[in-house]
Amino acid sequence: MTPDGVELTVQSEGKQSQPSLLVMDWGPTLGAVRGRFQDIARAEFRKQRKRLGVLNAEQEVAIEALLMSTVNQISHRVVIQMSRLIETIG
């Protein structure tokens, strides 16, 4: 392999890894988006708590788990779409 061939390989590898590095840079931001969605769900639960009547601790934990599961399902799709967008930009 000639030195030129080596250079082309290195350039090619660099271009392929650039989107991955971009996604890694955005990782904390994407995680923060999910965390913000969870915070909103918890705040809404606290806000609406009185409307739910008498609940024991186990029921409250179950409701919060349901909310977090729902938020995670929704935010997962949003984060995946954002990741794909970031990769196309890179």
C-alpha atoms as a PDB file:
ATOM      1  CA  MET A   1       0.000   0.000   0.000  1.00  0.00           C
ATOM      2  CA  THR A   2       1.332   3.395  -0.920  1.00  0.00           C
ATOM      3  CA  PRO A   3       1.445   6.305   1.487  1.00  0.00           C
ATOM      4  CA  ASP A   4      -1.382   7.867  -0.557  1.00  0.00           C
ATOM      5  CA  GLY A   5      -3.496   4.766   0.015  1.00  0.00           C
ATOM      6  CA  VAL A   6      -2.899   4.994   3.745  1.00  0.00           C
ATOM      7  CA  GLU A   7      -3.924   8.641   3.740  1.00  0.00           C
ATOM      8  CA  LEU A   8      -7.164   7.855   1.902  1.00  0.00           C
ATOM      9  CA  THR A   9      -7.979   5.105   4.388  1.00  0.00           C
ATOM     10  CA  VAL A  10      -7.402   7.418   7.334  1.00  0.00           C
ATOM     11  CA  GLN A  11      -9.534  10.143   5.744  1.00  0.00           C
ATOM     12  CA  SER A  12     -12.306   7.644   5.039  1.00  0.00           C
ATOM     13  CA  GLU A  13     -12.250   6.314   8.606  1.00  0.00           C
ATOM     14  CA  GLY A  14     -12.300   9.860   9.962  1.00  0.00           C
ATOM     15  CA  LYS A  15     -15.360  10.767   7.928  1.00  0.00           C
ATOM     16  CA  GLN A  16     -17.194   7.625   9.033  1.00  0.00           C
ATOM     17  CA  SER A  17     -16.526   8.231  12.725  1.00  0.00           C
ATOM     18  CA  GLN A  18     -17.423  11.934  12.656  1.00  0.00           C
ATOM     19  CA  PRO A  19     -21.217  11.390  12.976  1.00  0.00           C
ATOM     20  CA  SER A  20     -20.595   8.986  15.856  1.00  0.00           C
ATOM     21  CA  LEU A  21     -18.506  11.609  17.622  1.00  0.00           C
ATOM     22  CA  LEU A  22     -21.214  14.182  17.003  1.00  0.00           C
ATOM     23  CA  VAL A  23     -23.831  11.884  18.542  1.00  0.00           C
ATOM     24  CA  MET A  24     -21.542  11.285  21.534  1.00  0.00           C
ATOM     25  CA  ASP A  25     -21.223  15.055  21.986  1.00  0.00           C
ATOM     26  CA  TRP A  26     -25.009  15.325  21.977  1.00  0.00           C
ATOM     27  CA  GLY A  27     -25.478  12.365  24.359  1.00  0.00           C
ATOM     28  CA  PRO A  28     -25.750  14.472  27.524  1.00  0.00           C
ATOM     29  CA  THR A  29     -28.179  16.849  25.820  1.00  0.00           C
ATOM     30  CA  LEU A  30     -30.386  14.002  24.646  1.00  0.00           C
ATOM     31  CA  GLY A  31     -30.308  12.537  28.148  1.00  0.00           C
ATOM     32  CA  ALA A  32     -31.302  15.924  29.541  1.00  0.00           C
ATOM     33  CA  VAL A  33     -34.293  16.010  27.184  1.00  0.00           C
ATOM     34  CA  ARG A  34     -35.498  12.689  28.597  1.00  0.00           C
ATOM     35  CA  GLY A  35     -34.896  13.939  32.140  1.00  0.00           C
ATOM     36  CA  ARG A  36     -36.891  17.081  31.434  1.00  0.00           C
ATOM     37  CA  PHE A  37     -39.811  14.999  30.143  1.00  0.00           C
ATOM     38  CA  GLN A  38     -39.684  12.963  33.369  1.00  0.00           C
ATOM     39  CA  ASP A  39     -39.623  16.138  35.479  1.00  0.00           C
ATOM     40  CA  ILE A  40     -42.696  17.439  33.649  1.00  0.00           C
ATOM     41  CA  ALA A  41     -44.556  14.168  34.247  1.00  0.00           C
ATOM     42  CA  ARG A  42     -43.702  14.188  37.963  1.00  0.00           C
ATOM     43  CA  ALA A  43     -44.774  17.826  38.312  1.00  0.00           C
ATOM     44  CA  GLU A  44     -48.056  17.092  36.565  1.00  0.00           C
ATOM     45  CA  PHE A  45     -48.638  14.122  38.878  1.00  0.00           C
ATOM     46  CA  ARG A  46     -48.104  16.367  41.925  1.00  0.00           C
ATOM     47  CA  LYS A  47     -50.420  18.977  40.415  1.00  0.00           C
ATOM     48  CA  GLN A  48     -53.191  16.465  39.708  1.00  0.00           C
ATOM     49  CA  ARG A  49     -52.646  14.338  42.832  1.00  0.00           C
ATOM     50  CA  LYS A  50     -55.657  15.728  44.757  1.00  0.00           C
ATOM     51  CA  ARG A  51     -58.005  14.726  41.937  1.00  0.00           C
ATOM     52  CA  LEU A  52     -56.998  11.081  42.356  1.00  0.00           C
ATOM     53  CA  GLY A  53     -58.445  10.783  45.855  1.00  0.00           C
ATOM     54  CA  VAL A  54     -57.072   8.558  48.574  1.00  0.00           C
ATOM     55  CA  LEU A  55     -54.142   6.436  47.429  1.00  0.00           C
ATOM     56  CA  ASN A  56     -51.813   4.308  49.471  1.00  0.00           C
ATOM     57  CA  ALA A  57     -48.045   4.481  49.003  1.00  0.00           C
ATOM     58  CA  GLU A  58     -48.024   1.407  46.752  1.00  0.00           C
ATOM     59  CA  GLN A  59     -50.603   2.958  44.428  1.00  0.00           C
ATOM     60  CA  GLU A  60     -48.654   6.217  44.236  1.00  0.00           C
ATOM     61  CA  VAL A  61     -45.478   4.306  43.352  1.00  0.00           C
ATOM     62  CA  ALA A  62     -47.402   2.361  40.683  1.00  0.00           C
ATOM     63  CA  ILE A  63     -48.773   5.570  39.155  1.00  0.00           C
ATOM     64  CA  GLU A  64     -45.338   7.178  39.065  1.00  0.00           C
ATOM     65  CA  ALA A  65     -43.886   4.017  37.487  1.00  0.00           C
ATOM     66  CA  LEU A  66     -46.623   4.116  34.849  1.00  0.00           C
ATOM     67  CA  LEU A  67     -45.888   7.776  34.121  1.00  0.00           C
ATOM     68  CA  MET A  68     -42.131   7.193  33.870  1.00  0.00           C
ATOM     69  CA  SER A  69     -42.659   4.199  31.598  1.00  0.00           C
ATOM     70  CA  THR A  70     -44.909   6.255  29.338  1.00  0.00           C
ATOM     71  CA  VAL A  71     -42.470   9.173  29.288  1.00  0.00           C
ATOM     72  CA  ASN A  72     -39.600   6.818  28.499  1.00  0.00           C
ATOM     73  CA  GLN A  73     -41.529   5.287  25.599  1.00  0.00           C
ATOM     74  CA  ILE A  74     -42.340   8.705  24.156  1.00  0.00           C
ATOM     75  CA  SER A  75     -38.938  10.266  24.805  1.00  0.00           C
ATOM     76  CA  HIS A  76     -37.130   7.234  23.380  1.00  0.00           C
ATOM     77  CA  ARG A  77     -38.746   7.877  20.010  1.00  0.00           C
ATOM     78  CA  VAL A  78     -37.943  11.590  20.216  1.00  0.00           C
ATOM     79  CA  VAL A  79     -34.311  10.906  21.168  1.00  0.00           C
ATOM     80  CA  ILE A  80     -33.948   8.370  18.328  1.00  0.00           C
ATOM     81  CA  GLN A  81     -35.290  10.911  15.831  1.00  0.00           C
ATOM     82  CA  MET A  82     -32.985  13.606  17.194  1.00  0.00           C
ATOM     83  CA  SER A  83     -30.013  11.215  16.974  1.00  0.00           C
ATOM     84  CA  ARG A  84     -30.837  10.415  13.358  1.00  0.00           C
ATOM     85  CA  LEU A  85     -31.102  14.103  12.562  1.00  0.00           C
ATOM     86  CA  ILE A  86     -27.749  14.784  14.200  1.00  0.00           C
ATOM     87  CA  GLU A  87     -26.160  11.950  12.202  1.00  0.00           C
ATOM     88  CA  THR A  88     -27.470  13.385   8.913  1.00  0.00           C
ATOM     89  CA  ILE A  89     -26.108  16.824   9.787  1.00  0.00           C
ATOM     90  CA  GLY A  90     -22.673  15.397  10.639  1.00  0.00           C
END
